Amino acid sequence: MMLPGLACRLLMCFVAALLFAAGCAPEQGWREGARMPGDGPLAVLEVTAAIGAVDGGDAARLGLQKLTWSVSVANNGRVRADDVFVVPVYHPEIARRMTAERLATPAQSLSPGGAKTWKGEAVFCAGSSGKAEIAGWAPPLPVIHVVWREDGRARHAAFDRTQGHALPSPPPWAAEAEKTVAAYLEALRTGDAPVLEQLVWRYADESAGGVIEPAEPVSAAYLISSWPVSGDRVGFTRAVMETQVLMQYAPGTPQPVRRETYYVTLTREKPGEWRVAEVHRRNHRTLRVDPTPEELAAAQDVVASYFRALAAGQPALAGRLVHPVWGELSARPDTSLREFTLDRVDFTAAEKIGRVLRLGFCVQGRARYAPGGARSDGANTYFVYLMRDATAEGTPWRIVSIGSAP
């Protein structure tokens, strides 16, 4: 999934100044008349959205567009709804390009028979996408979330407007990961330690248990969107989900409703078993670290010993240097290797996933293989990755994958 360009992010301050002054030519509007799902008294009466170009400076060159929206909500019940707040979910093509947003209308009360309108704006980088393509990103607000209090009880409803529209679908595994995130958030809110123990990876760092804990007591938390922004597989599958959570706080809190964004890193060692490894306020993708000279030397020695064992016809010895859990098929000893001269081992990168360190090396050597093997004789380059638990004293480095490309 592509993330917004660096140029767009650098212009966020510039865009903020233009956000309220730029013109916006209406392109689409919708009128709704259905009651919100569930037994609540609130109904969405009207949803309007307009998209137009942002004028001034480099906005045109970057294809900056502004989405202006409004949502009218009525109280058809007999009880006053307090702390009513409206939060939209943006179309995925808009959400992944968004550089600035403003929810203009605060939480407010809604008396029986009354109606009010909530408004907001968002700026996104359309890039080279033309008007016709942007118009196809419909509806721009596919889901409308409304939260309120009724007789002191926290209430929530989601108004789905996707019928008749084909929205981009995340990868199949993302639905499994999202379920894990939703269960994790609820367990955090309720303090359900046994469930948390099941959902948090055994090598998770401390952020998996603390960063979402708010300063004020939370009455309810609703997962309103969770979308994969990056992922890879080296030893195990790792994915980062951009997760938006609607927090409903106790009555009397200065800001009773807030939308929070977290970047949740999950790992999957077995099919369907996603576990939370890290939770951050910002998307750092992968945390780069600087290994100590001792760590580098120990890892390099494992790499060299692995290839020497293969060249000496000792695949069992080489196999003991492969991680027993995370070792991939590519790391299994290649018994077709007949001779090997190790020329050099160069460190390439160090990353941290939870408490696990991952080191990468570029290995160059001259090899001779048995006829019919996957590799050819002569100079060969291998990219080797190793892992270990960084917090366990004396845990050895073990190889998890070997490939011909990083």
Protein backbone atom coordinates (compact mmCIF):
# COMPACT_ATOMS: atom_id res chain seq x y z
CA MET A 1 0.00 0.00 0.00
CA MET A 2 1.45 3.33 -0.98
CA LEU A 3 1.83 6.00 1.67
CA PRO A 4 1.48 9.77 1.08
CA GLY A 5 4.56 11.24 -0.57
CA LEU A 6 7.21 13.05 1.41
CA ALA A 7 6.50 16.27 -0.45
CA CYS A 8 2.87 16.15 0.69
CA ARG A 9 3.83 15.63 4.31
CA LEU A 10 6.29 18.51 4.24
CA LEU A 11 3.51 20.80 3.06
CA MET A 12 1.19 20.07 5.97
CA CYS A 13 1.83 23.40 7.62
CA PHE A 14 1.33 25.22 4.33
CA VAL A 15 -1.87 23.28 3.74
CA ALA A 16 -3.21 24.16 7.19
CA ALA A 17 -3.10 27.84 6.25
CA LEU A 18 -4.97 27.14 3.02
CA LEU A 19 -7.48 24.75 4.52
CA PHE A 20 -10.16 27.27 5.23
CA ALA A 21 -9.46 29.76 2.44
CA ALA A 22 -9.37 27.44 -0.58
CA GLY A 23 -12.41 27.17 -2.81
CA CYS A 24 -14.10 23.85 -3.34
CA ALA A 25 -16.31 23.05 -6.30
CA PRO A 26 -19.09 20.63 -5.26
CA GLU A 27 -19.00 17.38 -7.18
CA GLN A 28 -21.30 15.01 -5.33
CA GLY A 29 -23.99 15.12 -2.65
CA TRP A 30 -26.21 12.54 -0.96
CA ARG A 31 -29.33 12.72 1.11
CA GLU A 32 -30.07 10.04 3.67
CA GLY A 33 -33.31 9.29 5.47
CA ALA A 34 -32.69 6.06 7.34
CA ARG A 35 -32.52 5.69 11.10
CA MET A 36 -29.15 4.69 12.53
CA PRO A 37 -28.76 0.91 12.96
CA GLY A 38 -29.74 -0.54 16.33
CA ASP A 39 -32.34 0.67 18.80
CA GLY A 40 -30.88 4.14 19.34
CA PRO A 41 -32.94 7.29 18.81
CA LEU A 42 -30.52 9.04 16.46
CA ALA A 43 -30.93 9.17 12.68
CA VAL A 44 -28.68 10.56 9.98
CA LEU A 45 -30.78 12.94 7.90
CA GLU A 46 -28.27 14.20 5.37
CA VAL A 47 -24.67 13.62 4.30
CA THR A 48 -23.01 16.00 1.85
CA ALA A 49 -19.49 15.93 0.48
CA ALA A 50 -17.69 18.18 -1.97
CA ILE A 51 -14.21 17.77 -3.41
CA GLY A 52 -12.27 20.54 -5.10
CA ALA A 53 -8.72 21.65 -5.80
CA VAL A 54 -6.71 23.64 -3.27
CA ASP A 55 -5.40 26.84 -4.83
CA GLY A 56 -2.11 28.64 -4.25
CA GLY A 57 1.60 27.86 -4.10
CA ASP A 58 2.60 24.33 -5.05
CA ALA A 59 -0.86 22.93 -4.30
CA ALA A 60 -1.78 22.53 -7.97
CA ARG A 61 1.53 20.89 -8.85
CA LEU A 62 1.08 18.36 -6.05
CA GLY A 63 -2.57 17.79 -6.85
CA LEU A 64 -3.84 18.84 -3.40
CA GLN A 65 -7.59 18.42 -3.02
CA LYS A 66 -9.91 19.45 -0.21
CA LEU A 67 -12.89 17.37 0.87
CA THR A 68 -15.55 19.38 2.72
CA TRP A 69 -18.32 17.39 4.38
CA SER A 70 -21.34 17.80 6.63
CA VAL A 71 -23.53 15.29 8.45
CA SER A 72 -26.94 16.21 9.86
CA VAL A 73 -28.21 14.11 12.77
CA ALA A 74 -31.68 14.16 14.33
CA ASN A 75 -32.87 12.90 17.70
CA ASN A 76 -36.13 11.04 17.09
CA GLY A 77 -36.29 9.67 20.62
CA ARG A 78 -37.72 10.92 23.91
CA VAL A 79 -34.45 11.29 25.80
CA ARG A 80 -31.77 13.94 25.35
CA ALA A 81 -28.59 12.68 23.73
CA ASP A 82 -25.47 14.19 25.35
CA ASP A 83 -21.93 14.48 24.00
CA VAL A 84 -23.06 13.65 20.47
CA PHE A 85 -20.05 13.46 18.13
CA VAL A 86 -19.74 12.52 14.47
CA VAL A 87 -16.61 10.96 12.93
CA PRO A 88 -16.46 9.79 9.31
CA VAL A 89 -14.37 7.03 7.79
CA TYR A 90 -12.85 8.25 4.53
CA HIS A 91 -12.70 6.28 1.30
CA PRO A 92 -9.44 4.24 1.34
CA GLU A 93 -8.03 6.12 -1.67
CA ILE A 94 -8.58 9.41 0.18
CA ALA A 95 -7.47 8.15 3.60
CA ARG A 96 -4.10 6.89 2.39
CA ARG A 97 -3.38 10.22 0.69
CA MET A 98 -4.63 12.48 3.48
CA THR A 99 -2.24 15.12 4.84
CA ALA A 100 -4.50 17.26 7.06
CA GLU A 101 -7.93 17.08 8.66
CA ARG A 102 -10.22 19.22 10.79
CA LEU A 103 -13.33 18.07 12.66
CA ALA A 104 -14.96 21.49 12.99
CA THR A 105 -17.94 20.69 15.21
CA PRO A 106 -17.35 19.64 18.85
CA ALA A 107 -19.44 17.21 20.86
CA GLN A 108 -22.81 18.69 21.83
CA SER A 109 -26.24 17.78 23.16
CA LEU A 110 -29.24 16.97 21.01
CA SER A 111 -32.72 17.40 22.51
CA PRO A 112 -35.68 15.19 21.49
CA GLY A 113 -37.04 16.36 18.16
CA GLY A 114 -33.91 18.42 17.48
CA ALA A 115 -31.37 18.18 14.69
CA LYS A 116 -27.85 19.54 14.27
CA THR A 117 -25.13 19.43 11.65
CA TRP A 118 -21.51 18.37 12.13
CA LYS A 119 -18.90 19.59 9.67
CA GLY A 120 -15.33 18.80 8.76
CA GLU A 121 -12.60 19.11 6.14
CA ALA A 122 -9.73 16.99 4.90
CA VAL A 123 -6.88 17.69 2.47
CA PHE A 124 -5.32 14.90 0.46
CA CYS A 125 -2.71 14.51 -2.29
CA ALA A 126 -4.45 13.33 -5.45
CA GLY A 127 -1.18 13.42 -7.40
CA SER A 128 -1.82 12.78 -11.09
CA SER A 129 -5.36 11.45 -10.50
CA GLY A 130 -7.87 13.35 -12.61
CA LYS A 131 -11.41 14.50 -11.81
CA ALA A 132 -12.98 11.38 -13.28
CA GLU A 133 -10.79 9.07 -11.18
CA ILE A 134 -11.40 11.10 -8.00
CA ALA A 135 -15.14 11.04 -8.66
CA GLY A 136 -14.87 7.26 -8.67
CA TRP A 137 -13.70 7.28 -5.06
CA ALA A 138 -17.28 7.05 -3.91
CA PRO A 139 -18.73 7.47 -1.49
CA PRO A 140 -16.00 9.72 -0.02
CA LEU A 141 -17.44 8.97 3.45
CA PRO A 142 -18.40 5.29 3.27
CA VAL A 143 -19.10 4.94 7.01
CA ILE A 144 -20.36 7.53 9.49
CA HIS A 145 -19.76 6.86 13.21
CA VAL A 146 -21.92 8.60 15.80
CA VAL A 147 -21.34 8.35 19.56
CA TRP A 148 -23.44 9.86 22.34
CA ARG A 149 -24.62 9.40 25.92
CA GLU A 150 -28.13 8.40 26.80
CA ASP A 151 -29.06 8.56 30.50
CA GLY A 152 -25.32 8.44 31.23
CA ARG A 153 -24.74 5.31 29.14
CA ALA A 154 -22.20 5.32 26.30
CA ARG A 155 -23.85 4.64 22.93
CA HIS A 156 -22.46 4.14 19.43
CA ALA A 157 -23.82 3.50 15.96
CA ALA A 158 -22.17 3.15 12.55
CA PHE A 159 -24.04 4.17 9.41
CA ASP A 160 -22.78 2.14 6.44
CA ARG A 161 -23.14 3.92 3.08
CA THR A 162 -21.20 1.46 0.92
CA GLN A 163 -24.17 -0.30 -0.67
CA GLY A 164 -23.81 -0.23 -4.44
CA HIS A 165 -20.16 0.83 -4.29
CA ALA A 166 -17.07 -1.31 -4.77
CA LEU A 167 -14.41 -0.12 -2.33
CA PRO A 168 -10.77 -1.30 -2.47
CA SER A 169 -10.32 -4.44 -0.41
CA PRO A 170 -7.38 -4.99 1.93
CA PRO A 171 -5.35 -8.21 1.64
CA PRO A 172 -7.24 -11.31 2.88
CA TRP A 173 -5.05 -11.64 5.98
CA ALA A 174 -5.88 -8.06 7.06
CA ALA A 175 -9.34 -9.10 8.27
CA GLU A 176 -7.72 -11.62 10.65
CA ALA A 177 -5.29 -8.99 11.89
CA GLU A 178 -8.09 -6.46 12.40
CA LYS A 179 -10.02 -8.92 14.59
CA THR A 180 -6.93 -9.30 16.76
CA VAL A 181 -6.56 -5.52 17.04
CA ALA A 182 -10.24 -5.10 17.99
CA ALA A 183 -10.07 -7.81 20.68
CA TYR A 184 -6.80 -6.35 21.97
CA LEU A 185 -8.28 -2.84 22.31
CA GLU A 186 -11.32 -4.15 24.18
CA ALA A 187 -9.14 -6.21 26.52
CA LEU A 188 -7.02 -3.13 27.24
CA ARG A 189 -10.11 -1.06 27.99
CA THR A 190 -11.64 -3.63 30.33
CA GLY A 191 -8.36 -4.71 31.90
CA ASP A 192 -8.92 -8.35 30.90
CA ALA A 193 -5.44 -9.72 31.68
CA PRO A 194 -6.06 -13.33 30.51
CA VAL A 195 -7.24 -12.18 27.08
CA LEU A 196 -4.34 -9.73 26.79
CA GLU A 197 -1.93 -12.54 27.59
CA GLN A 198 -3.34 -14.51 24.66
CA LEU A 199 -3.24 -11.60 22.20
CA VAL A 200 0.17 -10.08 23.02
CA TRP A 201 3.20 -11.70 21.39
CA ARG A 202 5.56 -13.39 23.79
CA TYR A 203 8.35 -11.16 22.46
CA ALA A 204 6.30 -7.93 22.52
CA ASP A 205 7.96 -4.80 23.86
CA GLU A 206 6.50 -2.66 26.65
CA SER A 207 4.55 -0.45 24.21
CA ALA A 208 2.09 -3.32 23.63
CA GLY A 209 0.75 -2.81 27.14
CA GLY A 210 0.90 0.90 27.80
CA VAL A 211 0.75 3.42 24.97
CA ILE A 212 -3.02 3.16 24.46
CA GLU A 213 -3.76 3.60 28.17
CA PRO A 214 -5.28 7.11 28.40
CA ALA A 215 -4.96 9.61 31.24
CA GLU A 216 -8.76 9.85 31.68
CA PRO A 217 -11.10 6.90 32.34
CA VAL A 218 -12.58 5.49 29.15
CA SER A 219 -16.27 4.57 29.04
CA ALA A 220 -16.03 2.90 25.64
CA ALA A 221 -13.60 2.46 22.75
CA TYR A 222 -14.65 1.70 19.18
CA LEU A 223 -12.38 0.47 16.41
CA ILE A 224 -13.51 2.52 13.42
CA SER A 225 -10.83 1.51 10.89
CA SER A 226 -7.70 -0.59 10.66
CA TRP A 227 -5.74 -0.74 7.41
CA PRO A 228 -2.38 -2.39 6.59
CA VAL A 229 0.37 0.09 5.74
CA SER A 230 3.43 -2.18 5.57
CA GLY A 231 4.52 -5.76 6.02
CA ASP A 232 7.12 -8.38 5.25
CA ARG A 233 8.13 -11.94 6.02
CA VAL A 234 11.54 -12.85 7.36
CA GLY A 235 11.34 -15.67 9.88
CA PHE A 236 7.71 -14.77 10.60
CA THR A 237 5.11 -12.49 9.06
CA ARG A 238 5.10 -8.92 10.35
CA ALA A 239 2.44 -6.29 9.53
CA VAL A 240 1.78 -2.72 10.63
CA MET A 241 -1.88 -1.67 10.84
CA GLU A 242 -2.92 1.99 10.93
CA THR A 243 -5.69 1.85 13.50
CA GLN A 244 -8.21 4.57 14.34
CA VAL A 245 -10.03 4.31 17.65
CA LEU A 246 -12.95 6.42 18.85
CA MET A 247 -12.54 6.99 22.61
CA GLN A 248 -15.58 7.92 24.70
CA TYR A 249 -14.55 9.33 28.06
CA ALA A 250 -16.38 9.74 31.36
CA PRO A 251 -18.94 12.57 31.70
CA GLY A 252 -17.40 15.90 32.61
CA THR A 253 -14.15 15.26 30.74
CA PRO A 254 -13.03 18.45 28.92
CA GLN A 255 -13.01 16.61 25.60
CA PRO A 256 -15.56 13.78 26.02
CA VAL A 257 -14.90 12.13 22.63
CA ARG A 258 -11.60 11.81 20.79
CA ARG A 259 -10.37 9.92 17.78
CA GLU A 260 -6.91 8.45 18.27
CA THR A 261 -4.60 6.92 15.67
CA TYR A 262 -2.21 4.12 16.57
CA TYR A 263 0.17 2.03 14.50
CA VAL A 264 -0.08 -1.55 15.70
CA THR A 265 2.68 -3.98 14.73
CA LEU A 266 1.52 -7.58 14.66
CA THR A 267 3.39 -10.81 14.07
CA ARG A 268 2.13 -14.16 12.79
CA GLU A 269 4.16 -17.28 13.42
CA LYS A 270 1.32 -19.67 12.52
CA PRO A 271 -1.58 -19.25 10.07
CA GLY A 272 -4.35 -17.16 11.61
CA GLU A 273 -2.48 -16.47 14.88
CA TRP A 274 -1.81 -12.74 14.83
CA ARG A 275 -0.26 -11.29 17.99
CA VAL A 276 0.43 -7.69 19.00
CA ALA A 277 4.14 -6.86 19.18
CA GLU A 278 4.27 -3.04 19.34
CA VAL A 279 1.91 -0.05 19.50
CA HIS A 280 3.05 3.45 18.55
CA ARG A 281 1.53 6.86 17.95
CA ARG A 282 3.55 7.29 14.76
CA ASN A 283 4.29 4.94 11.92
CA HIS A 284 7.99 4.17 12.25
CA ARG A 285 7.53 1.04 10.08
CA THR A 286 10.56 -0.73 11.50
CA LEU A 287 12.69 0.50 14.36
CA ARG A 288 16.29 0.76 13.21
CA VAL A 289 18.86 -0.02 15.88
CA ASP A 290 22.64 0.04 16.16
CA PRO A 291 24.02 -3.35 17.23
CA THR A 292 27.04 -3.46 19.49
CA PRO A 293 30.39 -4.62 18.07
CA GLU A 294 30.06 -7.76 20.18
CA GLU A 295 26.62 -8.56 18.70
CA LEU A 296 27.91 -8.04 15.17
CA ALA A 297 30.94 -10.24 15.77
CA ALA A 298 28.81 -13.03 17.26
CA ALA A 299 26.33 -12.93 14.37
CA GLN A 300 29.08 -12.85 11.75
CA ASP A 301 30.66 -15.89 13.38
CA VAL A 302 27.36 -17.79 13.10
CA VAL A 303 27.11 -16.89 9.40
CA ALA A 304 30.69 -17.98 8.68
CA SER A 305 30.27 -21.21 10.69
CA TYR A 306 27.11 -22.08 8.76
CA PHE A 307 28.81 -21.87 5.35
CA ARG A 308 31.96 -23.62 6.56
CA ALA A 309 29.88 -26.50 7.91
CA LEU A 310 28.15 -26.90 4.54
CA ALA A 311 31.46 -26.82 2.68
CA ALA A 312 32.82 -29.49 5.05
CA GLY A 313 29.87 -31.78 4.31
CA GLN A 314 28.31 -31.32 7.76
CA PRO A 315 24.69 -30.26 7.09
CA ALA A 316 23.60 -31.36 10.57
CA LEU A 317 26.06 -28.89 12.13
CA ALA A 318 24.82 -26.14 9.82
CA GLY A 319 21.23 -27.02 10.70
CA ARG A 320 21.90 -26.37 14.38
CA LEU A 321 22.63 -22.75 13.46
CA VAL A 322 19.14 -22.29 11.97
CA HIS A 323 16.44 -20.89 14.25
CA PRO A 324 14.27 -23.83 15.41
CA VAL A 325 10.99 -21.84 15.20
CA TRP A 326 11.51 -19.00 12.71
CA GLY A 327 13.89 -20.70 10.30
CA GLU A 328 12.40 -20.67 6.80
CA LEU A 329 12.89 -23.25 4.08
CA SER A 330 15.51 -21.01 2.51
CA ALA A 331 17.66 -21.35 5.65
CA ARG A 332 17.77 -25.13 5.55
CA PRO A 333 21.22 -26.49 4.70
CA ASP A 334 21.81 -26.86 0.97
CA THR A 335 23.31 -30.32 0.66
CA SER A 336 24.26 -29.70 -2.98
CA LEU A 337 27.12 -27.39 -1.89
CA ARG A 338 30.43 -29.20 -2.42
CA GLU A 339 33.07 -26.52 -1.90
CA PHE A 340 32.92 -22.98 -0.54
CA THR A 341 35.46 -20.24 0.01
CA LEU A 342 34.15 -17.39 2.14
CA ASP A 343 35.41 -14.07 0.81
CA ARG A 344 33.58 -11.52 2.97
CA VAL A 345 30.61 -10.96 5.26
CA ASP A 346 29.22 -7.39 5.28
CA PHE A 347 26.63 -6.11 7.74
CA THR A 348 23.63 -4.51 5.99
CA ALA A 349 20.91 -3.62 8.52
CA ALA A 350 19.64 -4.09 12.07
CA GLU A 351 15.97 -3.87 13.02
CA LYS A 352 13.89 -4.39 16.13
CA ILE A 353 10.47 -6.08 16.13
CA GLY A 354 9.10 -6.17 19.65
CA ARG A 355 12.03 -7.50 21.69
CA VAL A 356 13.49 -9.42 18.74
CA LEU A 357 16.56 -8.10 16.93
CA ARG A 358 17.01 -8.89 13.25
CA LEU A 359 20.40 -8.54 11.58
CA GLY A 360 21.09 -8.73 7.87
CA PHE A 361 24.38 -9.63 6.17
CA CYS A 362 25.59 -9.78 2.61
CA VAL A 363 27.80 -12.86 2.16
CA GLN A 364 30.12 -13.21 -0.82
CA GLY A 365 32.01 -16.36 -1.65
CA ARG A 366 33.10 -18.80 -4.32
CA ALA A 367 31.10 -21.99 -4.46
CA ARG A 368 30.91 -25.29 -6.28
CA TYR A 369 27.59 -27.11 -6.35
CA ALA A 370 26.50 -30.57 -7.42
CA PRO A 371 25.11 -30.65 -10.97
CA GLY A 372 21.45 -29.72 -11.25
CA GLY A 373 21.39 -27.38 -8.25
CA ALA A 374 19.57 -24.06 -8.07
CA ARG A 375 22.81 -22.07 -7.90
CA SER A 376 25.72 -21.94 -10.32
CA ASP A 377 29.38 -22.48 -9.60
CA GLY A 378 31.72 -19.55 -9.10
CA ALA A 379 31.13 -16.23 -7.31
CA ASN A 380 27.86 -16.15 -5.39
CA THR A 381 26.14 -13.57 -3.18
CA TYR A 382 23.81 -14.52 -0.34
CA PHE A 383 21.66 -12.28 1.85
CA VAL A 384 21.43 -13.82 5.30
CA TYR A 385 19.11 -12.75 8.16
CA LEU A 386 19.50 -13.75 11.79
CA MET A 387 17.33 -13.17 14.86
CA ARG A 388 17.49 -13.42 18.61
CA ASP A 389 15.61 -12.25 21.71
CA ALA A 390 17.39 -9.04 22.69
CA THR A 391 16.27 -9.14 26.33
CA ALA A 392 17.38 -12.70 27.15
CA GLU A 393 20.98 -12.75 28.25
CA GLY A 394 23.11 -15.15 26.24
CA THR A 395 20.48 -15.99 23.61
CA PRO A 396 22.46 -17.04 20.52
CA TRP A 397 21.99 -15.64 17.03
CA ARG A 398 20.27 -18.05 14.69
CA ILE A 399 19.69 -17.88 10.93
CA VAL A 400 16.10 -17.40 9.75
CA SER A 401 16.41 -16.90 5.99
CA ILE A 402 18.92 -16.92 3.12
CA GLY A 403 18.20 -15.46 -0.30
CA SER A 404 19.79 -14.07 -3.42
CA ALA A 405 18.24 -10.59 -2.85
CA PRO A 406 17.71 -8.40 0.23
